[in-house]
Amino acid sequence: MSDPQQSASGSSPVLDEALHRLSQTGPEFRGGLSNHGPMVVEALVRLGRQDEVERWVDGYLPQLAERPTPSARISEADEREALGDYRRVGDWLAYFTEQLEEAP
């Protein structure tokens, strides 16, 4: 039972939309637990339950915090110093986003 609109690369419009909505949130759920939203929506799509994804995301989003904003830029020169500093989660999200955008 796969998504009839799923491409050979494994993406689908339903999955892409859900991941976009979840990308605006932080990495935590209810203040300390991991945000497993992306994994859940991918599992639902892979199990052929893409019809449940939007409803599930609608119910899960209110329990998530907003994506943390960066406070200072992380560079390759100072990434070791920022490692493990939870106050820099927003900085790390910005750093990895930048790295992915620059990658071929």
PDB file of N, CA and C in Angstrom:
ATOM      1  N   MET A   1       0.821  -1.182   0.000  1.00  0.00           N
ATOM      2  CA  MET A   1       0.000   0.000   0.000  1.00  0.00           C
ATOM      3  C   MET A   1       0.862   1.241   0.000  1.00  0.00           C
ATOM      4  N   SER A   2       1.369   1.628  -1.115  1.00  0.00           N
ATOM      5  CA  SER A   2       2.184   2.832  -1.151  1.00  0.00           C
ATOM      6  C   SER A   2       1.390   3.975  -1.750  1.00  0.00           C
ATOM      7  N   ASP A   3       1.910   5.172  -1.556  1.00  0.00           N
ATOM      8  CA  ASP A   3       1.278   6.384  -2.076  1.00  0.00           C
ATOM      9  C   ASP A   3       1.360   6.360  -3.591  1.00  0.00           C
ATOM     10  N   PRO A   4       0.234   6.415  -4.305  1.00  0.00           N
ATOM     11  CA  PRO A   4       0.278   6.378  -5.755  1.00  0.00           C
ATOM     12  C   PRO A   4       0.999   7.582  -6.345  1.00  0.00           C
ATOM     13  N   GLN A   5       1.122   8.666  -5.576  1.00  0.00           N
ATOM     14  CA  GLN A   5       1.821   9.847  -6.055  1.00  0.00           C
ATOM     15  C   GLN A   5       3.275   9.873  -5.599  1.00  0.00           C
ATOM     16  N   GLN A   6       3.722   8.824  -4.927  1.00  0.00           N
ATOM     17  CA  GLN A   6       5.082   8.780  -4.423  1.00  0.00           C
ATOM     18  C   GLN A   6       6.049   8.622  -5.576  1.00  0.00           C
ATOM     19  N   SER A   7       7.119   9.400  -5.562  1.00  0.00           N
ATOM     20  CA  SER A   7       8.111   9.334  -6.626  1.00  0.00           C
ATOM     21  C   SER A   7       9.111   8.219  -6.360  1.00  0.00           C
ATOM     22  N   ALA A   8       9.954   7.965  -7.340  1.00  0.00           N
ATOM     23  CA  ALA A   8      10.986   6.942  -7.190  1.00  0.00           C
ATOM     24  C   ALA A   8      11.952   7.308  -6.063  1.00  0.00           C
ATOM     25  N   SER A   9      12.114   8.604  -5.779  1.00  0.00           N
ATOM     26  CA  SER A   9      13.017   9.036  -4.712  1.00  0.00           C
ATOM     27  C   SER A   9      12.413   8.803  -3.328  1.00  0.00           C
ATOM     28  N   GLY A  10      11.128   8.467  -3.270  1.00  0.00           N
ATOM     29  CA  GLY A  10      10.488   8.194  -1.996  1.00  0.00           C
ATOM     30  C   GLY A  10       9.709   9.356  -1.431  1.00  0.00           C
ATOM     31  N   SER A  11       9.718  10.497  -2.104  1.00  0.00           N
ATOM     32  CA  SER A  11       8.958  11.622  -1.578  1.00  0.00           C
ATOM     33  C   SER A  11       7.534  11.585  -2.114  1.00  0.00           C
ATOM     34  N   SER A  12       6.667  12.293  -1.467  1.00  0.00           N
ATOM     35  CA  SER A  12       5.286  12.405  -1.912  1.00  0.00           C
ATOM     36  C   SER A  12       4.798  13.785  -1.513  1.00  0.00           C
ATOM     37  N   PRO A  13       3.795  14.327  -2.181  1.00  0.00           N
ATOM     38  CA  PRO A  13       3.270  15.648  -1.804  1.00  0.00           C
ATOM     39  C   PRO A  13       2.776  15.690  -0.354  1.00  0.00           C
ATOM     40  N   VAL A  14       2.146  14.615   0.099  1.00  0.00           N
ATOM     41  CA  VAL A  14       1.628  14.569   1.474  1.00  0.00           C
ATOM     42  C   VAL A  14       2.788  14.624   2.463  1.00  0.00           C
ATOM     43  N   LEU A  15       3.820  13.823   2.220  1.00  0.00           N
ATOM     44  CA  LEU A  15       4.983  13.805   3.102  1.00  0.00           C
ATOM     45  C   LEU A  15       5.705  15.147   3.068  1.00  0.00           C
ATOM     46  N   ASP A  16       5.911  15.686   1.876  1.00  0.00           N
ATOM     47  CA  ASP A  16       6.606  16.968   1.752  1.00  0.00           C
ATOM     48  C   ASP A  16       5.879  18.075   2.505  1.00  0.00           C
ATOM     49  N   GLU A  17       4.564  18.133   2.387  1.00  0.00           N
ATOM     50  CA  GLU A  17       3.783  19.163   3.075  1.00  0.00           C
ATOM     51  C   GLU A  17       3.869  18.996   4.594  1.00  0.00           C
ATOM     52  N   ALA A  18       3.757  17.767   5.078  1.00  0.00           N
ATOM     53  CA  ALA A  18       3.829  17.517   6.519  1.00  0.00           C
ATOM     54  C   ALA A  18       5.208  17.888   7.062  1.00  0.00           C
ATOM     55  N   LEU A  19       6.259  17.513   6.345  1.00  0.00           N
ATOM     56  CA  LEU A  19       7.612  17.842   6.794  1.00  0.00           C
ATOM     57  C   LEU A  19       7.838  19.350   6.788  1.00  0.00           C
ATOM     58  N   HIS A  20       7.271  20.032   5.813  1.00  0.00           N
ATOM     59  CA  HIS A  20       7.383  21.494   5.788  1.00  0.00           C
ATOM     60  C   HIS A  20       6.704  22.103   7.025  1.00  0.00           C
ATOM     61  N   ARG A  21       5.523  21.640   7.339  1.00  0.00           N
ATOM     62  CA  ARG A  21       4.814  22.158   8.516  1.00  0.00           C
ATOM     63  C   ARG A  21       5.601  21.894   9.800  1.00  0.00           C
ATOM     64  N   LEU A  22       6.175  20.702   9.912  1.00  0.00           N
ATOM     65  CA  LEU A  22       6.932  20.346  11.112  1.00  0.00           C
ATOM     66  C   LEU A  22       8.279  21.057  11.179  1.00  0.00           C
ATOM     67  N   SER A  23       8.807  21.491  10.053  1.00  0.00           N
ATOM     68  CA  SER A  23      10.123  22.147  10.037  1.00  0.00           C
ATOM     69  C   SER A  23      10.101  23.497  10.741  1.00  0.00           C
ATOM     70  N   GLN A  24       8.930  24.020  10.992  1.00  0.00           N
ATOM     71  CA  GLN A  24       8.808  25.309  11.661  1.00  0.00           C
ATOM     72  C   GLN A  24       8.816  25.158  13.187  1.00  0.00           C
ATOM     73  N   THR A  25       9.017  23.942  13.669  1.00  0.00           N
ATOM     74  CA  THR A  25       8.991  23.670  15.108  1.00  0.00           C
ATOM     75  C   THR A  25      10.380  23.302  15.609  1.00  0.00           C
ATOM     76  N   GLY A  26      10.499  23.254  16.912  1.00  0.00           N
ATOM     77  CA  GLY A  26      11.765  22.895  17.534  1.00  0.00           C
ATOM     78  C   GLY A  26      11.949  21.394  17.630  1.00  0.00           C
ATOM     79  N   PRO A  27      13.108  20.991  18.127  1.00  0.00           N
ATOM     80  CA  PRO A  27      13.425  19.565  18.211  1.00  0.00           C
ATOM     81  C   PRO A  27      12.821  18.850  19.415  1.00  0.00           C
ATOM     82  N   GLU A  28      12.060  19.586  20.226  1.00  0.00           N
ATOM     83  CA  GLU A  28      11.511  18.964  21.428  1.00  0.00           C
ATOM     84  C   GLU A  28       9.995  18.978  21.459  1.00  0.00           C
ATOM     85  N   PHE A  29       9.473  18.023  22.203  1.00  0.00           N
ATOM     86  CA  PHE A  29       8.044  17.796  22.388  1.00  0.00           C
ATOM     87  C   PHE A  29       7.775  17.897  23.881  1.00  0.00           C
ATOM     88  N   ARG A  30       6.860  18.763  24.254  1.00  0.00           N
ATOM     89  CA  ARG A  30       6.486  18.938  25.668  1.00  0.00           C
ATOM     90  C   ARG A  30       7.687  19.208  26.576  1.00  0.00           C
ATOM     91  N   GLY A  31       8.586  20.059  26.121  1.00  0.00           N
ATOM     92  CA  GLY A  31       9.676  20.534  26.961  1.00  0.00           C
ATOM     93  C   GLY A  31      10.706  19.524  27.401  1.00  0.00           C
ATOM     94  N   GLY A  32      11.200  18.709  26.544  1.00  0.00           N
ATOM     95  CA  GLY A  32      12.288  17.815  26.909  1.00  0.00           C
ATOM     96  C   GLY A  32      12.294  16.485  26.179  1.00  0.00           C
ATOM     97  N   LEU A  33      11.166  16.064  25.671  1.00  0.00           N
ATOM     98  CA  LEU A  33      11.127  14.825  24.906  1.00  0.00           C
ATOM     99  C   LEU A  33      11.440  15.128  23.446  1.00  0.00           C
ATOM    100  N   SER A  34      11.912  14.151  22.718  1.00  0.00           N
ATOM    101  CA  SER A  34      12.240  14.364  21.304  1.00  0.00           C
ATOM    102  C   SER A  34      10.994  14.520  20.458  1.00  0.00           C
ATOM    103  N   ASN A  35      11.077  15.408  19.490  1.00  0.00           N
ATOM    104  CA  ASN A  35      10.013  15.615  18.515  1.00  0.00           C
ATOM    105  C   ASN A  35      10.145  14.513  17.456  1.00  0.00           C
ATOM    106  N   HIS A  36       9.278  13.545  17.499  1.00  0.00           N
ATOM    107  CA  HIS A  36       9.301  12.436  16.545  1.00  0.00           C
ATOM    108  C   HIS A  36       8.336  12.642  15.382  1.00  0.00           C
ATOM    109  N   GLY A  37       7.815  13.867  15.255  1.00  0.00           N
ATOM    110  CA  GLY A  37       6.854  14.154  14.198  1.00  0.00           C
ATOM    111  C   GLY A  37       7.296  13.746  12.808  1.00  0.00           C
ATOM    112  N   PRO A  38       8.513  14.129  12.379  1.00  0.00           N
ATOM    113  CA  PRO A  38       8.935  13.743  11.030  1.00  0.00           C
ATOM    114  C   PRO A  38       8.957  12.229  10.813  1.00  0.00           C
ATOM    115  N   MET A  39       9.378  11.492  11.829  1.00  0.00           N
ATOM    116  CA  MET A  39       9.440  10.040  11.708  1.00  0.00           C
ATOM    117  C   MET A  39       8.027   9.452  11.623  1.00  0.00           C
ATOM    118  N   VAL A  40       7.110   9.987  12.394  1.00  0.00           N
ATOM    119  CA  VAL A  40       5.736   9.477  12.389  1.00  0.00           C
ATOM    120  C   VAL A  40       5.073   9.704  11.036  1.00  0.00           C
ATOM    121  N   VAL A  41       5.206  10.926  10.493  1.00  0.00           N
ATOM    122  CA  VAL A  41       4.537  11.182   9.209  1.00  0.00           C
ATOM    123  C   VAL A  41       5.139  10.354   8.088  1.00  0.00           C
ATOM    124  N   GLU A  42       6.442  10.135   8.133  1.00  0.00           N
ATOM    125  CA  GLU A  42       7.048   9.276   7.113  1.00  0.00           C
ATOM    126  C   GLU A  42       6.542   7.842   7.256  1.00  0.00           C
ATOM    127  N   ALA A  43       6.431   7.361   8.474  1.00  0.00           N
ATOM    128  CA  ALA A  43       5.918   6.004   8.685  1.00  0.00           C
ATOM    129  C   ALA A  43       4.477   5.881   8.194  1.00  0.00           C
ATOM    130  N   LEU A  44       3.645   6.868   8.489  1.00  0.00           N
ATOM    131  CA  LEU A  44       2.258   6.827   8.014  1.00  0.00           C
ATOM    132  C   LEU A  44       2.194   6.755   6.488  1.00  0.00           C
ATOM    133  N   VAL A  45       2.997   7.575   5.813  1.00  0.00           N
ATOM    134  CA  VAL A  45       2.999   7.553   4.345  1.00  0.00           C
ATOM    135  C   VAL A  45       3.496   6.208   3.833  1.00  0.00           C
ATOM    136  N   ARG A  46       4.569   5.694   4.397  1.00  0.00           N
ATOM    137  CA  ARG A  46       5.132   4.413   3.940  1.00  0.00           C
ATOM    138  C   ARG A  46       4.179   3.248   4.187  1.00  0.00           C
ATOM    139  N   LEU A  47       3.342   3.388   5.212  1.00  0.00           N
ATOM    140  CA  LEU A  47       2.363   2.336   5.512  1.00  0.00           C
ATOM    141  C   LEU A  47       1.064   2.503   4.735  1.00  0.00           C
ATOM    142  N   GLY A  48       1.058   3.489   3.835  1.00  0.00           N
ATOM    143  CA  GLY A  48      -0.136   3.694   3.011  1.00  0.00           C
ATOM    144  C   GLY A  48      -1.245   4.453   3.700  1.00  0.00           C
ATOM    145  N   ARG A  49      -0.952   5.145   4.780  1.00  0.00           N
ATOM    146  CA  ARG A  49      -1.967   5.880   5.533  1.00  0.00           C
ATOM    147  C   ARG A  49      -1.804   7.392   5.359  1.00  0.00           C
ATOM    148  N   GLN A  50      -1.452   7.818   4.150  1.00  0.00           N
ATOM    149  CA  GLN A  50      -1.286   9.239   3.879  1.00  0.00           C
ATOM    150  C   GLN A  50      -2.557  10.031   4.160  1.00  0.00           C
ATOM    151  N   ASP A  51      -3.700   9.357   4.143  1.00  0.00           N
ATOM    152  CA  ASP A  51      -4.970  10.019   4.454  1.00  0.00           C
ATOM    153  C   ASP A  51      -5.053  10.454   5.918  1.00  0.00           C
ATOM    154  N   GLU A  52      -4.201   9.919   6.777  1.00  0.00           N
ATOM    155  CA  GLU A  52      -4.202  10.261   8.208  1.00  0.00           C
ATOM    156  C   GLU A  52      -3.177  11.318   8.566  1.00  0.00           C
ATOM    157  N   VAL A  53      -2.257  11.632   7.653  1.00  0.00           N
ATOM    158  CA  VAL A  53      -1.133  12.506   7.978  1.00  0.00           C
ATOM    159  C   VAL A  53      -1.576  13.906   8.395  1.00  0.00           C
ATOM    160  N   GLU A  54      -2.411  14.558   7.616  1.00  0.00           N
ATOM    161  CA  GLU A  54      -2.806  15.935   7.925  1.00  0.00           C
ATOM    162  C   GLU A  54      -3.495  16.024   9.289  1.00  0.00           C
ATOM    163  N   ARG A  55      -4.405  15.113   9.576  1.00  0.00           N
ATOM    164  CA  ARG A  55      -5.106  15.103  10.862  1.00  0.00           C
ATOM    165  C   ARG A  55      -4.121  14.891  12.007  1.00  0.00           C
ATOM    166  N   TRP A  56      -3.173  13.967  11.819  1.00  0.00           N
ATOM    167  CA  TRP A  56      -2.197  13.691  12.870  1.00  0.00           C
ATOM    168  C   TRP A  56      -1.330  14.922  13.125  1.00  0.00           C
ATOM    169  N   VAL A  57      -0.836  15.551  12.064  1.00  0.00           N
ATOM    170  CA  VAL A  57       0.000  16.743  12.217  1.00  0.00           C
ATOM    171  C   VAL A  57      -0.798  17.861  12.886  1.00  0.00           C
ATOM    172  N   ASP A  58      -2.058  18.042  12.506  1.00  0.00           N
ATOM    173  CA  ASP A  58      -2.907  19.064  13.127  1.00  0.00           C
ATOM    174  C   ASP A  58      -2.975  18.876  14.645  1.00  0.00           C
ATOM    175  N   GLY A  59      -3.056  17.650  15.104  1.00  0.00           N
ATOM    176  CA  GLY A  59      -3.138  17.374  16.536  1.00  0.00           C
ATOM    177  C   GLY A  59      -1.798  17.463  17.253  1.00  0.00           C
ATOM    178  N   TYR A  60      -0.710  17.208  16.537  1.00  0.00           N
ATOM    179  CA  TYR A  60       0.621  17.171  17.145  1.00  0.00           C
ATOM    180  C   TYR A  60       1.262  18.557  17.236  1.00  0.00           C
ATOM    181  N   LEU A  61       1.033  19.387  16.227  1.00  0.00           N
ATOM    182  CA  LEU A  61       1.678  20.705  16.182  1.00  0.00           C
ATOM    183  C   LEU A  61       1.465  21.557  17.429  1.00  0.00           C
ATOM    184  N   PRO A  62       0.261  21.614  17.999  1.00  0.00           N
ATOM    185  CA  PRO A  62       0.070  22.464  19.179  1.00  0.00           C
ATOM    186  C   PRO A  62       0.913  22.042  20.391  1.00  0.00           C
ATOM    187  N   GLN A  63       1.432  20.832  20.383  1.00  0.00           N
ATOM    188  CA  GLN A  63       2.229  20.341  21.502  1.00  0.00           C
ATOM    189  C   GLN A  63       3.715  20.667  21.346  1.00  0.00           C
ATOM    190  N   LEU A  64       4.076  21.256  20.200  1.00  0.00           N
ATOM    191  CA  LEU A  64       5.478  21.540  19.917  1.00  0.00           C
ATOM    192  C   LEU A  64       5.798  23.014  20.124  1.00  0.00           C
ATOM    193  N   ALA A  65       7.021  23.267  20.532  1.00  0.00           N
ATOM    194  CA  ALA A  65       7.501  24.645  20.659  1.00  0.00           C
ATOM    195  C   ALA A  65       7.911  25.149  19.285  1.00  0.00           C
ATOM    196  N   GLU A  66       7.955  26.469  19.157  1.00  0.00           N
ATOM    197  CA  GLU A  66       8.428  27.062  17.907  1.00  0.00           C
ATOM    198  C   GLU A  66       9.904  26.741  17.731  1.00  0.00           C
ATOM    199  N   ARG A  67      10.335  26.780  16.492  1.00  0.00           N
ATOM    200  CA  ARG A  67      11.739  26.556  16.183  1.00  0.00           C
ATOM    201  C   ARG A  67      12.564  27.637  16.901  1.00  0.00           C
ATOM    202  N   PRO A  68      13.598  27.243  17.656  1.00  0.00           N
ATOM    203  CA  PRO A  68      14.410  28.237  18.367  1.00  0.00           C
ATOM    204  C   PRO A  68      15.134  29.165  17.387  1.00  0.00           C
ATOM    205  N   THR A  69      15.202  30.426  17.740  1.00  0.00           N
ATOM    206  CA  THR A  69      15.898  31.382  16.880  1.00  0.00           C
ATOM    207  C   THR A  69      17.387  31.378  17.229  1.00  0.00           C
ATOM    208  N   PRO A  70      18.217  31.588  16.219  1.00  0.00           N
ATOM    209  CA  PRO A  70      19.662  31.631  16.493  1.00  0.00           C
ATOM    210  C   PRO A  70      20.039  32.888  17.269  1.00  0.00           C
ATOM    211  N   SER A  71      21.071  32.779  18.089  1.00  0.00           N
ATOM    212  CA  SER A  71      21.555  33.938  18.842  1.00  0.00           C
ATOM    213  C   SER A  71      22.922  34.385  18.344  1.00  0.00           C
ATOM    214  N   ALA A  72      23.697  33.446  17.826  1.00  0.00           N
ATOM    215  CA  ALA A  72      25.023  33.763  17.292  1.00  0.00           C
ATOM    216  C   ALA A  72      25.367  32.725  16.226  1.00  0.00           C
ATOM    217  N   ARG A  73      26.083  33.153  15.209  1.00  0.00           N
ATOM    218  CA  ARG A  73      26.441  32.257  14.114  1.00  0.00           C
ATOM    219  C   ARG A  73      27.530  31.279  14.560  1.00  0.00           C
ATOM    220  N   ILE A  74      27.364  30.020  14.193  1.00  0.00           N
ATOM    221  CA  ILE A  74      28.391  29.012  14.430  1.00  0.00           C
ATOM    222  C   ILE A  74      29.197  28.870  13.150  1.00  0.00           C
ATOM    223  N   SER A  75      30.507  28.897  13.311  1.00  0.00           N
ATOM    224  CA  SER A  75      31.385  28.694  12.160  1.00  0.00           C
ATOM    225  C   SER A  75      32.192  27.420  12.397  1.00  0.00           C
ATOM    226  N   GLU A  76      32.859  26.961  11.369  1.00  0.00           N
ATOM    227  CA  GLU A  76      33.691  25.763  11.531  1.00  0.00           C
ATOM    228  C   GLU A  76      34.773  26.000  12.578  1.00  0.00           C
ATOM    229  N   ALA A  77      35.227  27.239  12.705  1.00  0.00           N
ATOM    230  CA  ALA A  77      36.285  27.569  13.654  1.00  0.00           C
ATOM    231  C   ALA A  77      35.824  27.460  15.119  1.00  0.00           C
ATOM    232  N   ASP A  78      34.547  27.727  15.391  1.00  0.00           N
ATOM    233  CA  ASP A  78      34.090  27.705  16.791  1.00  0.00           C
ATOM    234  C   ASP A  78      33.038  26.640  17.078  1.00  0.00           C
ATOM    235  N   GLU A  79      32.859  25.689  16.171  1.00  0.00           N
ATOM    236  CA  GLU A  79      31.803  24.693  16.407  1.00  0.00           C
ATOM    237  C   GLU A  79      32.091  23.825  17.623  1.00  0.00           C
ATOM    238  N   ARG A  80      33.356  23.550  17.941  1.00  0.00           N
ATOM    239  CA  ARG A  80      33.664  22.731  19.126  1.00  0.00           C
ATOM    240  C   ARG A  80      33.220  23.437  20.410  1.00  0.00           C
ATOM    241  N   GLU A  81      33.408  24.734  20.445  1.00  0.00           N
ATOM    242  CA  GLU A  81      33.019  25.518  21.622  1.00  0.00           C
ATOM    243  C   GLU A  81      31.498  25.484  21.834  1.00  0.00           C
ATOM    244  N   ALA A  82      30.744  25.449  20.748  1.00  0.00           N
ATOM    245  CA  ALA A  82      29.274  25.459  20.827  1.00  0.00           C
ATOM    246  C   ALA A  82      28.687  24.073  21.085  1.00  0.00           C
ATOM    247  N   LEU A  83      29.490  23.041  20.891  1.00  0.00           N
ATOM    248  CA  LEU A  83      29.011  21.671  21.054  1.00  0.00           C
ATOM    249  C   LEU A  83      28.481  21.418  22.459  1.00  0.00           C
ATOM    250  N   GLY A  84      27.311  20.849  22.563  1.00  0.00           N
ATOM    251  CA  GLY A  84      26.740  20.474  23.850  1.00  0.00           C
ATOM    252  C   GLY A  84      26.091  21.611  24.616  1.00  0.00           C
ATOM    253  N   ASP A  85      26.127  22.816  24.084  1.00  0.00           N
ATOM    254  CA  ASP A  85      25.525  23.961  24.755  1.00  0.00           C
ATOM    255  C   ASP A  85      24.068  24.060  24.307  1.00  0.00           C
ATOM    256  N   TYR A  86      23.151  23.619  25.172  1.00  0.00           N
ATOM    257  CA  TYR A  86      21.737  23.567  24.799  1.00  0.00           C
ATOM    258  C   TYR A  86      21.178  24.936  24.445  1.00  0.00           C
ATOM    259  N   ARG A  87      21.740  25.988  25.007  1.00  0.00           N
ATOM    260  CA  ARG A  87      21.274  27.340  24.678  1.00  0.00           C
ATOM    261  C   ARG A  87      21.528  27.680  23.209  1.00  0.00           C
ATOM    262  N   ARG A  88      22.326  26.869  22.523  1.00  0.00           N
ATOM    263  CA  ARG A  88      22.698  27.155  21.135  1.00  0.00           C
ATOM    264  C   ARG A  88      21.962  26.263  20.132  1.00  0.00           C
ATOM    265  N   VAL A  89      20.874  25.650  20.549  1.00  0.00           N
ATOM    266  CA  VAL A  89      20.109  24.790  19.640  1.00  0.00           C
ATOM    267  C   VAL A  89      19.688  25.558  18.384  1.00  0.00           C
ATOM    268  N   GLY A  90      19.207  26.765  18.549  1.00  0.00           N
ATOM    269  CA  GLY A  90      18.825  27.593  17.397  1.00  0.00           C
ATOM    270  C   GLY A  90      20.001  27.880  16.491  1.00  0.00           C
ATOM    271  N   ASP A  91      21.178  28.077  17.091  1.00  0.00           N
ATOM    272  CA  ASP A  91      22.389  28.320  16.304  1.00  0.00           C
ATOM    273  C   ASP A  91      22.758  27.080  15.487  1.00  0.00           C
ATOM    274  N   TRP A  92      22.619  25.907  16.120  1.00  0.00           N
ATOM    275  CA  TRP A  92      22.927  24.658  15.416  1.00  0.00           C
ATOM    276  C   TRP A  92      21.946  24.413  14.273  1.00  0.00           C
ATOM    277  N   LEU A  93      20.669  24.683  14.491  1.00  0.00           N
ATOM    278  CA  LEU A  93      19.691  24.520  13.414  1.00  0.00           C
ATOM    279  C   LEU A  93      20.033  25.417  12.231  1.00  0.00           C
ATOM    280  N   ALA A  94      20.419  26.648  12.513  1.00  0.00           N
ATOM    281  CA  ALA A  94      20.809  27.580  11.447  1.00  0.00           C
ATOM    282  C   ALA A  94      22.086  27.099  10.756  1.00  0.00           C
ATOM    283  N   TYR A  95      23.036  26.603  11.528  1.00  0.00           N
ATOM    284  CA  TYR A  95      24.306  26.114  10.977  1.00  0.00           C
ATOM    285  C   TYR A  95      24.071  24.954  10.020  1.00  0.00           C
ATOM    286  N   PHE A  96      23.287  23.964  10.457  1.00  0.00           N
ATOM    287  CA  PHE A  96      23.044  22.798   9.590  1.00  0.00           C
ATOM    288  C   PHE A  96      22.209  23.167   8.370  1.00  0.00           C
ATOM    289  N   THR A  97      21.257  24.073   8.522  1.00  0.00           N
ATOM    290  CA  THR A  97      20.477  24.537   7.375  1.00  0.00           C
ATOM    291  C   THR A  97      21.400  25.188   6.354  1.00  0.00           C
ATOM    292  N   GLU A  98      22.314  26.021   6.835  1.00  0.00           N
ATOM    293  CA  GLU A  98      23.270  26.687   5.942  1.00  0.00           C
ATOM    294  C   GLU A  98      24.168  25.655   5.248  1.00  0.00           C
ATOM    295  N   GLN A  99      24.646  24.683   6.010  1.00  0.00           N
ATOM    296  CA  GLN A  99      25.501  23.650   5.419  1.00  0.00           C
ATOM    297  C   GLN A  99      24.779  22.867   4.330  1.00  0.00           C
ATOM    298  N   LEU A 100      23.522  22.528   4.563  1.00  0.00           N
ATOM    299  CA  LEU A 100      22.746  21.791   3.557  1.00  0.00           C
ATOM    300  C   LEU A 100      22.484  22.632   2.323  1.00  0.00           C
ATOM    301  N   GLU A 101      22.226  23.923   2.500  1.00  0.00           N
ATOM    302  CA  GLU A 101      21.974  24.798   1.370  1.00  0.00           C
ATOM    303  C   GLU A 101      23.216  24.985   0.512  1.00  0.00           C
ATOM    304  N   GLU A 102      24.386  24.931   1.118  1.00  0.00           N
ATOM    305  CA  GLU A 102      25.643  25.110   0.401  1.00  0.00           C
ATOM    306  C   GLU A 102      26.147  23.818  -0.236  1.00  0.00           C
ATOM    307  N   ALA A 103      25.630  22.689   0.191  1.00  0.00           N
ATOM    308  CA  ALA A 103      26.099  21.400  -0.317  1.00  0.00           C
ATOM    309  C   ALA A 103      25.654  21.192  -1.765  1.00  0.00           C
ATOM    310  N   PRO A 104      26.485  20.471  -2.523  1.00  0.00           N
ATOM    311  CA  PRO A 104      26.077  20.187  -3.914  1.00  0.00           C
ATOM    312  C   PRO A 104      24.876  19.274  -3.971  1.00  0.00           C
TER     313      PRO A 104
END
